[in-house]
Amino acid sequence: MRNPKTVAGLIALGVMLLALGILIGQMIPTIGQVRLEMSLTPTPEPAWPASVMAETPDPSRPTAEPVLRSGMTGQSVKDLQSRLYALGYYTAEIDGQFGPGTKEAVMAFQRRNGLGADGIVGAETKAVLFSPEAKPWAAEENASE
């Protein structure tokens, strides 16, 4: 004769499988209905015209160059230091690290060239710095600052 606990366990398992089959049978049409309603629901308009969703960037346009500031390192900083050195603003080693010396040189360049002296090399500072119109260091003019 079979163990009563085994028989009870098999019956409970059968009841659970039957309940699961009934639930799945009822969920399948509901899932289909939800999918149909989702396909008929329009995509909402962005909340404001300047939203990220409203404008997709043109992949053919060049990406903006990064802004250089204290703490940055790399070839862009070396290029910056080399240009500042050539103009006489930077006198330390060209090491590719944007430290206090580089920031001071940038600020001196910005003051001499009529830019906002914030020590950050954005598009405007970079455009003047790498142009033929960039004014070199003038010790007599900068001594009064």
N, C-alpha and C. Protein backbone atom coordinates (compact mmCIF):
# COMPACT_ATOMS: atom_id res chain seq x y z
N MET A 1 0.84 -1.18 0.00
CA MET A 1 0.00 0.00 0.00
C MET A 1 0.89 1.25 0.00
N ARG A 2 0.37 2.29 -0.59
CA ARG A 2 1.14 3.52 -0.71
C ARG A 2 1.13 4.32 0.58
N ASN A 3 2.16 5.16 0.71
CA ASN A 3 2.29 6.03 1.88
C ASN A 3 1.23 7.13 1.77
N PRO A 4 0.44 7.40 2.82
CA PRO A 4 -0.61 8.44 2.74
C PRO A 4 -0.04 9.84 2.52
N LYS A 5 1.15 10.09 3.00
CA LYS A 5 1.75 11.41 2.80
C LYS A 5 2.11 11.62 1.32
N THR A 6 2.59 10.56 0.67
CA THR A 6 2.93 10.66 -0.74
C THR A 6 1.68 10.90 -1.58
N VAL A 7 0.60 10.18 -1.25
CA VAL A 7 -0.66 10.34 -1.98
C VAL A 7 -1.19 11.77 -1.79
N ALA A 8 -1.15 12.28 -0.57
CA ALA A 8 -1.63 13.64 -0.30
C ALA A 8 -0.77 14.65 -1.05
N GLY A 9 0.53 14.44 -1.11
CA GLY A 9 1.42 15.34 -1.83
C GLY A 9 1.15 15.34 -3.32
N LEU A 10 0.90 14.16 -3.88
CA LEU A 10 0.59 14.06 -5.31
C LEU A 10 -0.75 14.73 -5.63
N ILE A 11 -1.72 14.59 -4.76
CA ILE A 11 -3.02 15.24 -4.96
C ILE A 11 -2.86 16.76 -4.89
N ALA A 12 -2.10 17.26 -3.91
CA ALA A 12 -1.87 18.71 -3.79
C ALA A 12 -1.14 19.23 -5.03
N LEU A 13 -0.17 18.48 -5.52
CA LEU A 13 0.55 18.88 -6.73
C LEU A 13 -0.39 18.92 -7.93
N GLY A 14 -1.26 17.96 -8.03
CA GLY A 14 -2.23 17.93 -9.13
C GLY A 14 -3.17 19.12 -9.07
N VAL A 15 -3.64 19.47 -7.86
CA VAL A 15 -4.54 20.62 -7.69
C VAL A 15 -3.83 21.91 -8.08
N MET A 16 -2.57 22.05 -7.70
CA MET A 16 -1.82 23.26 -8.03
C MET A 16 -1.59 23.36 -9.53
N LEU A 17 -1.28 22.24 -10.19
CA LEU A 17 -1.09 22.26 -11.64
C LEU A 17 -2.40 22.60 -12.36
N LEU A 18 -3.51 22.10 -11.87
CA LEU A 18 -4.82 22.41 -12.45
C LEU A 18 -5.12 23.91 -12.29
N ALA A 19 -4.85 24.48 -11.11
CA ALA A 19 -5.07 25.91 -10.87
C ALA A 19 -4.16 26.75 -11.77
N LEU A 20 -2.91 26.33 -11.93
CA LEU A 20 -1.98 27.05 -12.80
C LEU A 20 -2.47 27.02 -14.25
N GLY A 21 -2.97 25.90 -14.70
CA GLY A 21 -3.50 25.79 -16.06
C GLY A 21 -4.68 26.71 -16.28
N ILE A 22 -5.56 26.81 -15.29
CA ILE A 22 -6.73 27.70 -15.40
C ILE A 22 -6.28 29.16 -15.46
N LEU A 23 -5.33 29.55 -14.59
CA LEU A 23 -4.83 30.93 -14.59
C LEU A 23 -4.17 31.29 -15.92
N ILE A 24 -3.35 30.39 -16.45
CA ILE A 24 -2.69 30.67 -17.72
C ILE A 24 -3.72 30.79 -18.83
N GLY A 25 -4.73 29.94 -18.81
CA GLY A 25 -5.80 30.00 -19.81
C GLY A 25 -6.54 31.33 -19.79
N GLN A 26 -6.66 31.94 -18.62
CA GLN A 26 -7.35 33.22 -18.52
C GLN A 26 -6.41 34.40 -18.83
N MET A 27 -5.11 34.22 -18.61
CA MET A 27 -4.17 35.33 -18.83
C MET A 27 -3.85 35.53 -20.31
N ILE A 28 -3.85 34.49 -21.09
CA ILE A 28 -3.47 34.61 -22.50
C ILE A 28 -4.36 35.61 -23.25
N PRO A 29 -5.68 35.54 -23.15
CA PRO A 29 -6.49 36.56 -23.84
C PRO A 29 -6.27 37.97 -23.28
N THR A 30 -6.03 38.07 -21.97
CA THR A 30 -5.81 39.39 -21.36
C THR A 30 -4.51 40.00 -21.89
N ILE A 31 -3.45 39.21 -22.02
CA ILE A 31 -2.19 39.70 -22.55
C ILE A 31 -2.37 40.18 -23.98
N GLY A 32 -3.11 39.44 -24.79
CA GLY A 32 -3.38 39.86 -26.16
C GLY A 32 -4.13 41.18 -26.21
N GLN A 33 -5.10 41.35 -25.31
CA GLN A 33 -5.88 42.60 -25.27
C GLN A 33 -5.00 43.78 -24.86
N VAL A 34 -4.11 43.59 -23.89
CA VAL A 34 -3.21 44.65 -23.45
C VAL A 34 -2.28 45.05 -24.60
N ARG A 35 -1.75 44.08 -25.32
CA ARG A 35 -0.88 44.38 -26.46
C ARG A 35 -1.61 45.17 -27.53
N LEU A 36 -2.86 44.81 -27.80
CA LEU A 36 -3.65 45.53 -28.79
C LEU A 36 -3.87 46.97 -28.35
N GLU A 37 -4.23 47.19 -27.10
CA GLU A 37 -4.47 48.55 -26.60
C GLU A 37 -3.18 49.37 -26.61
N MET A 38 -2.05 48.75 -26.29
CA MET A 38 -0.78 49.48 -26.33
C MET A 38 -0.42 49.89 -27.74
N SER A 39 -0.74 49.07 -28.72
CA SER A 39 -0.42 49.43 -30.10
C SER A 39 -1.31 50.55 -30.61
N LEU A 40 -2.50 50.71 -30.03
CA LEU A 40 -3.41 51.77 -30.47
C LEU A 40 -3.19 53.08 -29.73
N THR A 41 -2.44 53.06 -28.63
CA THR A 41 -2.19 54.26 -27.84
C THR A 41 -1.10 55.09 -28.51
N PRO A 42 -1.37 56.37 -28.81
CA PRO A 42 -0.35 57.19 -29.47
C PRO A 42 0.80 57.52 -28.53
N THR A 43 1.96 57.75 -29.11
CA THR A 43 3.12 58.16 -28.33
C THR A 43 2.90 59.60 -27.90
N PRO A 44 3.07 59.93 -26.62
CA PRO A 44 2.82 61.30 -26.18
C PRO A 44 3.82 62.28 -26.75
N GLU A 45 3.36 63.49 -26.98
CA GLU A 45 4.23 64.57 -27.43
C GLU A 45 5.12 65.01 -26.26
N PRO A 46 6.32 65.50 -26.56
CA PRO A 46 7.17 65.99 -25.47
C PRO A 46 6.51 67.14 -24.73
N ALA A 47 6.87 67.28 -23.47
CA ALA A 47 6.25 68.30 -22.62
C ALA A 47 6.59 69.71 -23.06
N TRP A 48 7.76 69.94 -23.66
CA TRP A 48 8.16 71.26 -24.11
C TRP A 48 8.96 71.10 -25.40
N PRO A 49 8.96 72.11 -26.26
CA PRO A 49 9.62 71.98 -27.55
C PRO A 49 11.12 71.72 -27.48
N ALA A 50 11.79 72.21 -26.46
CA ALA A 50 13.25 72.03 -26.37
C ALA A 50 13.62 70.71 -25.71
N SER A 51 12.66 69.81 -25.62
CA SER A 51 12.90 68.53 -24.99
C SER A 51 13.91 67.71 -25.80
N VAL A 52 14.55 66.79 -25.14
CA VAL A 52 15.50 65.90 -25.79
C VAL A 52 14.78 65.08 -26.86
N MET A 53 13.52 64.74 -26.59
CA MET A 53 12.77 63.95 -27.55
C MET A 53 12.45 64.75 -28.82
N ALA A 54 12.39 66.06 -28.72
CA ALA A 54 11.99 66.89 -29.85
C ALA A 54 13.10 67.04 -30.87
N GLU A 55 14.34 66.97 -30.45
CA GLU A 55 15.45 67.20 -31.36
C GLU A 55 16.41 66.03 -31.35
N THR A 56 16.63 65.47 -32.50
CA THR A 56 17.60 64.41 -32.65
C THR A 56 18.84 65.02 -33.26
N PRO A 57 20.00 64.85 -32.64
CA PRO A 57 21.21 65.46 -33.20
C PRO A 57 21.53 64.90 -34.57
N ASP A 58 22.05 65.76 -35.42
CA ASP A 58 22.45 65.37 -36.76
C ASP A 58 23.78 64.64 -36.67
N PRO A 59 23.83 63.35 -37.03
CA PRO A 59 25.07 62.60 -36.88
C PRO A 59 26.19 63.08 -37.81
N SER A 60 25.85 63.86 -38.83
CA SER A 60 26.88 64.33 -39.74
C SER A 60 27.61 65.57 -39.21
N ARG A 61 27.02 66.23 -38.18
CA ARG A 61 27.66 67.41 -37.61
C ARG A 61 28.80 66.99 -36.70
N PRO A 62 29.88 67.76 -36.68
CA PRO A 62 31.00 67.40 -35.79
C PRO A 62 30.61 67.58 -34.33
N THR A 63 31.19 66.77 -33.47
CA THR A 63 30.90 66.89 -32.05
C THR A 63 31.71 68.05 -31.47
N ALA A 64 31.16 68.66 -30.46
CA ALA A 64 31.83 69.80 -29.82
C ALA A 64 33.07 69.31 -29.09
N GLU A 65 34.10 70.14 -29.12
CA GLU A 65 35.33 69.79 -28.41
C GLU A 65 35.10 69.97 -26.92
N PRO A 66 35.76 69.16 -26.10
CA PRO A 66 35.54 69.27 -24.66
C PRO A 66 36.11 70.57 -24.09
N VAL A 67 35.47 71.03 -23.05
CA VAL A 67 35.96 72.19 -22.31
C VAL A 67 37.11 71.71 -21.43
N LEU A 68 38.19 72.47 -21.39
CA LEU A 68 39.35 72.10 -20.57
C LEU A 68 39.33 72.91 -19.29
N ARG A 69 39.53 72.22 -18.15
CA ARG A 69 39.53 72.90 -16.85
C ARG A 69 40.44 72.17 -15.88
N SER A 70 40.61 72.77 -14.72
CA SER A 70 41.50 72.20 -13.69
C SER A 70 41.18 70.75 -13.43
N GLY A 71 42.23 69.95 -13.28
CA GLY A 71 42.07 68.55 -12.96
C GLY A 71 42.10 67.64 -14.17
N MET A 72 41.96 68.20 -15.37
CA MET A 72 41.95 67.36 -16.57
C MET A 72 43.39 67.01 -16.97
N THR A 73 43.51 65.91 -17.72
CA THR A 73 44.82 65.47 -18.20
C THR A 73 44.66 64.98 -19.64
N GLY A 74 45.79 64.86 -20.34
CA GLY A 74 45.75 64.27 -21.66
C GLY A 74 46.39 65.14 -22.73
N GLN A 75 46.24 64.68 -23.96
CA GLN A 75 46.86 65.34 -25.10
C GLN A 75 46.28 66.73 -25.33
N SER A 76 44.99 66.92 -25.10
CA SER A 76 44.39 68.24 -25.28
C SER A 76 45.02 69.26 -24.34
N VAL A 77 45.32 68.83 -23.11
CA VAL A 77 45.96 69.72 -22.15
C VAL A 77 47.40 69.99 -22.58
N LYS A 78 48.10 68.99 -23.12
CA LYS A 78 49.46 69.21 -23.63
C LYS A 78 49.45 70.23 -24.76
N ASP A 79 48.46 70.12 -25.67
CA ASP A 79 48.35 71.07 -26.78
C ASP A 79 48.11 72.48 -26.23
N LEU A 80 47.26 72.59 -25.22
CA LEU A 80 46.97 73.87 -24.58
C LEU A 80 48.25 74.45 -23.97
N GLN A 81 48.95 73.64 -23.20
CA GLN A 81 50.18 74.10 -22.55
C GLN A 81 51.23 74.51 -23.59
N SER A 82 51.33 73.75 -24.67
CA SER A 82 52.29 74.09 -25.72
C SER A 82 51.97 75.44 -26.35
N ARG A 83 50.70 75.69 -26.62
CA ARG A 83 50.32 76.97 -27.22
C ARG A 83 50.55 78.12 -26.24
N LEU A 84 50.19 77.92 -24.97
CA LEU A 84 50.43 78.96 -23.96
C LEU A 84 51.93 79.20 -23.79
N TYR A 85 52.73 78.16 -23.89
CA TYR A 85 54.19 78.28 -23.80
C TYR A 85 54.73 79.10 -24.98
N ALA A 86 54.22 78.80 -26.17
CA ALA A 86 54.67 79.52 -27.37
C ALA A 86 54.32 81.00 -27.30
N LEU A 87 53.22 81.32 -26.63
CA LEU A 87 52.81 82.73 -26.49
C LEU A 87 53.44 83.40 -25.27
N GLY A 88 54.14 82.64 -24.43
CA GLY A 88 54.84 83.21 -23.29
C GLY A 88 54.06 83.22 -21.99
N TYR A 89 52.91 82.62 -21.94
CA TYR A 89 52.09 82.62 -20.72
C TYR A 89 52.45 81.48 -19.78
N TYR A 90 52.90 80.37 -20.32
CA TYR A 90 53.17 79.17 -19.53
C TYR A 90 54.66 78.89 -19.57
N THR A 91 55.27 78.71 -18.40
CA THR A 91 56.72 78.50 -18.36
C THR A 91 57.11 77.18 -17.70
N ALA A 92 56.17 76.43 -17.19
CA ALA A 92 56.47 75.17 -16.51
C ALA A 92 56.61 74.04 -17.54
N GLU A 93 56.82 72.82 -17.03
CA GLU A 93 56.96 71.65 -17.88
C GLU A 93 55.62 71.32 -18.55
N ILE A 94 55.67 70.96 -19.80
CA ILE A 94 54.46 70.55 -20.53
C ILE A 94 54.22 69.09 -20.19
N ASP A 95 53.31 68.85 -19.24
CA ASP A 95 53.10 67.51 -18.72
C ASP A 95 51.70 66.96 -18.98
N GLY A 96 50.81 67.75 -19.57
CA GLY A 96 49.46 67.28 -19.87
C GLY A 96 48.54 67.25 -18.67
N GLN A 97 48.92 67.93 -17.59
CA GLN A 97 48.08 67.99 -16.39
C GLN A 97 47.64 69.43 -16.17
N PHE A 98 46.34 69.65 -16.16
CA PHE A 98 45.79 71.00 -15.99
C PHE A 98 45.77 71.32 -14.49
N GLY A 99 46.88 71.87 -14.02
CA GLY A 99 47.01 72.21 -12.61
C GLY A 99 46.92 73.71 -12.40
N PRO A 100 47.33 74.18 -11.21
CA PRO A 100 47.26 75.61 -10.90
C PRO A 100 48.07 76.49 -11.85
N GLY A 101 49.25 76.02 -12.27
CA GLY A 101 50.08 76.80 -13.19
C GLY A 101 49.41 76.99 -14.54
N THR A 102 48.79 75.94 -15.03
CA THR A 102 48.08 76.03 -16.31
C THR A 102 46.88 76.95 -16.17
N LYS A 103 46.18 76.85 -15.06
CA LYS A 103 45.01 77.71 -14.85
C LYS A 103 45.42 79.19 -14.80
N GLU A 104 46.50 79.49 -14.10
CA GLU A 104 46.99 80.88 -14.03
C GLU A 104 47.39 81.39 -15.42
N ALA A 105 48.03 80.53 -16.20
CA ALA A 105 48.43 80.92 -17.56
C ALA A 105 47.20 81.19 -18.42
N VAL A 106 46.19 80.35 -18.29
CA VAL A 106 44.95 80.54 -19.05
C VAL A 106 44.29 81.86 -18.65
N MET A 107 44.23 82.13 -17.34
CA MET A 107 43.60 83.37 -16.87
C MET A 107 44.36 84.60 -17.37
N ALA A 108 45.69 84.53 -17.35
CA ALA A 108 46.49 85.66 -17.86
C ALA A 108 46.22 85.86 -19.35
N PHE A 109 46.15 84.75 -20.10
CA PHE A 109 45.84 84.85 -21.52
C PHE A 109 44.46 85.47 -21.74
N GLN A 110 43.48 85.00 -20.96
CA GLN A 110 42.11 85.52 -21.11
C GLN A 110 42.06 87.02 -20.81
N ARG A 111 42.73 87.46 -19.76
CA ARG A 111 42.74 88.89 -19.42
C ARG A 111 43.38 89.70 -20.55
N ARG A 112 44.53 89.25 -21.03
CA ARG A 112 45.27 89.97 -22.08
C ARG A 112 44.49 90.06 -23.38
N ASN A 113 43.63 89.06 -23.64
CA ASN A 113 42.91 89.00 -24.90
C ASN A 113 41.44 89.41 -24.77
N GLY A 114 41.09 90.04 -23.65
CA GLY A 114 39.74 90.58 -23.48
C GLY A 114 38.66 89.54 -23.30
N LEU A 115 39.00 88.40 -22.74
CA LEU A 115 38.02 87.35 -22.47
C LEU A 115 37.73 87.29 -20.98
N GLY A 116 36.65 86.67 -20.61
CA GLY A 116 36.35 86.48 -19.19
C GLY A 116 37.39 85.57 -18.57
N ALA A 117 38.09 86.06 -17.55
CA ALA A 117 39.21 85.32 -16.96
C ALA A 117 38.70 84.34 -15.90
N ASP A 118 38.22 83.18 -16.36
CA ASP A 118 37.73 82.16 -15.42
C ASP A 118 38.65 80.94 -15.32
N GLY A 119 39.69 80.90 -16.16
CA GLY A 119 40.64 79.78 -16.10
C GLY A 119 40.12 78.52 -16.76
N ILE A 120 39.01 78.62 -17.48
CA ILE A 120 38.41 77.48 -18.17
C ILE A 120 38.54 77.72 -19.67
N VAL A 121 38.99 76.72 -20.40
CA VAL A 121 39.19 76.87 -21.84
C VAL A 121 37.98 76.27 -22.57
N GLY A 122 37.03 77.16 -22.87
CA GLY A 122 35.86 76.76 -23.65
C GLY A 122 36.08 77.09 -25.12
N ALA A 123 35.01 77.05 -25.89
CA ALA A 123 35.10 77.27 -27.34
C ALA A 123 35.64 78.66 -27.67
N GLU A 124 35.19 79.70 -26.94
CA GLU A 124 35.62 81.07 -27.24
C GLU A 124 37.11 81.26 -26.95
N THR A 125 37.54 80.82 -25.77
CA THR A 125 38.97 80.94 -25.42
C THR A 125 39.83 80.14 -26.39
N LYS A 126 39.39 78.93 -26.71
CA LYS A 126 40.16 78.08 -27.61
C LYS A 126 40.27 78.71 -29.00
N ALA A 127 39.18 79.32 -29.48
CA ALA A 127 39.20 79.94 -30.81
C ALA A 127 40.23 81.07 -30.87
N VAL A 128 40.28 81.90 -29.81
CA VAL A 128 41.24 83.01 -29.79
C VAL A 128 42.65 82.48 -29.58
N LEU A 129 42.81 81.52 -28.69
CA LEU A 129 44.12 80.99 -28.34
C LEU A 129 44.84 80.40 -29.55
N PHE A 130 44.14 79.67 -30.38
CA PHE A 130 44.76 79.01 -31.52
C PHE A 130 44.61 79.80 -32.82
N SER A 131 44.31 81.09 -32.69
CA SER A 131 44.19 81.95 -33.87
C SER A 131 45.44 82.82 -34.01
N PRO A 132 45.65 83.38 -35.20
CA PRO A 132 46.79 84.30 -35.37
C PRO A 132 46.62 85.60 -34.59
N GLU A 133 45.39 85.91 -34.17
CA GLU A 133 45.13 87.15 -33.43
C GLU A 133 45.45 87.03 -31.94
N ALA A 134 45.85 85.86 -31.47
CA ALA A 134 46.16 85.68 -30.05
C ALA A 134 47.32 86.59 -29.66
N LYS A 135 47.10 87.39 -28.62
CA LYS A 135 48.14 88.34 -28.18
C LYS A 135 49.13 87.61 -27.27
N PRO A 136 50.42 87.73 -27.55
CA PRO A 136 51.43 87.09 -26.69
C PRO A 136 51.56 87.82 -25.35
N TRP A 137 52.25 87.17 -24.45
CA TRP A 137 52.50 87.72 -23.11
C TRP A 137 53.26 89.03 -23.23
N ALA A 138 52.81 90.03 -22.48
CA ALA A 138 53.51 91.32 -22.43
C ALA A 138 53.74 91.62 -20.96
N ALA A 139 54.97 91.47 -20.51
CA ALA A 139 55.29 91.60 -19.09
C ALA A 139 54.92 92.98 -18.54
N GLU A 140 55.16 94.05 -19.30
CA GLU A 140 54.87 95.39 -18.78
C GLU A 140 53.37 95.63 -18.60
N GLU A 141 52.53 95.05 -19.48
CA GLU A 141 51.08 95.23 -19.35
C GLU A 141 50.53 94.38 -18.22
N ASN A 142 51.04 93.16 -18.03
CA ASN A 142 50.53 92.23 -17.04
C ASN A 142 51.10 92.50 -15.65
N ALA A 143 52.14 93.28 -15.54
CA ALA A 143 52.73 93.57 -14.23
C ALA A 143 51.79 94.41 -13.38
N SER A 144 50.95 95.22 -14.01
CA SER A 144 50.04 96.08 -13.25
C SER A 144 48.79 95.34 -12.78
N GLU A 145 48.60 94.10 -13.21
CA GLU A 145 47.38 93.37 -12.84
C GLU A 145 47.53 92.66 -11.54
